[in-house]
Amino acid sequence: MDDQYSSIRSTGETTTEPTQKPTVKPTGTTEGPQATTKAEIIVTTESDNLTTTETSSTTEIPQEFRLVSESGGSVGVDEMGLLLYSGGTVCDDDFSDISAHAICRELGFNSSSNWTAVNDQPGWEIQARYKIKLDNVDCDSFEWESCSYSTSEDCRHNEDVLLTCSDDEPVAVVEEEGPFRLVDSYGVQVTAGRKGLLLYNDRTVCDDGFSDNSATAICKEMGFTRAINWQNGDKFKSYNYEIGLDEVRCPSTNWDSCSYITRHDCSRSENVLLTCSGTGSRLEFSGPFSLLSNGLLLYNGMLVCDDGFSDYSAAAICTEMGFTRAINWDSGDSSGTYEYVIGLDEVSCSNTYWESCTYQTHHDCSHHESVRLFCAV
């Protein structure tokens, strides 16, 4: 309805009714993770030169996202919780590490340290209390304003997101390279328990002939223990890839038993989406640099100090290891740090190529200055 409308009185005059403009005025502050904000609903009425204001009673406005424990209680830093949005659960379709970071930051934390879908884990009884309220959460950055989502869904509660938030800065996990990969919407490999778009030599896999045996055989080929589930769909920005594999038929759960063809008669809606269980194999490195599973950077098996280290240094080393770019880097006294000595310092790079870098092999560093590096495949 328009702010102003005209009515015809019996006298024939045309008059303008007063305009009412409701506004929301915050009266409290949002402090700490999962806080709520109180607000007054104010209605301002304007008629000719007269303005009157009426204030309703104070209303509690809940924050859109919450994390709850298995018993329904509150969740703190580094504790896993069931993710809720407007009083309902969140489905894992299109969900990624970037989505997790964005939501944790929206909740008042710095980052996500882990997320997974319920999948084959024992479900939480409290899930049955909620409807599924959010799906297809797809984020372009670590800020919620960059995210798109849908409030309609095609999910079950075994796809509900469980999220752990941290006070650390956002990082991403690097997984193994090989003919098969599972990636999210940004081409970043996903970890165990997370759904991803299945790629074979950077092309998608069609679901013709695909079976539970095919799913487990491929998960094992990537270093996981087995498949949790698989489905088809045009998700995770699959339009970025051509279809490269079809008719994957496996009489057993070993890849050596499988047959396939590299021509196809498929559409993108038939692309395989796969979730694997267990731990993927560690990435193999042939050069002087390598990464541990926690992101700790090694040079010839020794730690790298953060003196002189920069975004250029991070990018140069990631590309030197065969990755496309650096996602993030930081430094700290990580788990396992004291198993290694420090062997590289003052890594200073003038661009993103290792040839531009200088460094020294003596140092004046302590272990809490050890570099952790996270690269994109």
Foldseek 3Di string as FASTA:
>chain_A
DDQWDWDQDPVRDIDIDKGKDWDWAWDDDADAFQGWTKTWIKIWTDDDPDIDIDIDDIDIDGDQWAFADLVRHHDDAQGKGFIGGNFAFEFQFLPDLLLQLQVLVVRVAAGFPDKAFQQPPDDRPCNVVHHHQWYNWHAPGSHSVRTDTDRDDDDDNSRTMITHGHNDHRFDFAAADDQWFFAHLVQFGDWARHKGFIGGNQAFEFCALPDLLLQQQVLVVQAFRGWRDKDFALGSVNVVHHHFKYNWHAPHNHSVRTDIDGDDDDDRRRTMMTHTHGGGDAYDFDAQWDADRQQFIGGVQAFEFCALPDLLLQLQVLVVRPFDGWPDKDFAQDPPLVVHHHFKYNFHAPHNHSVRTDIDGDDDDDRGRTMGTHGGD
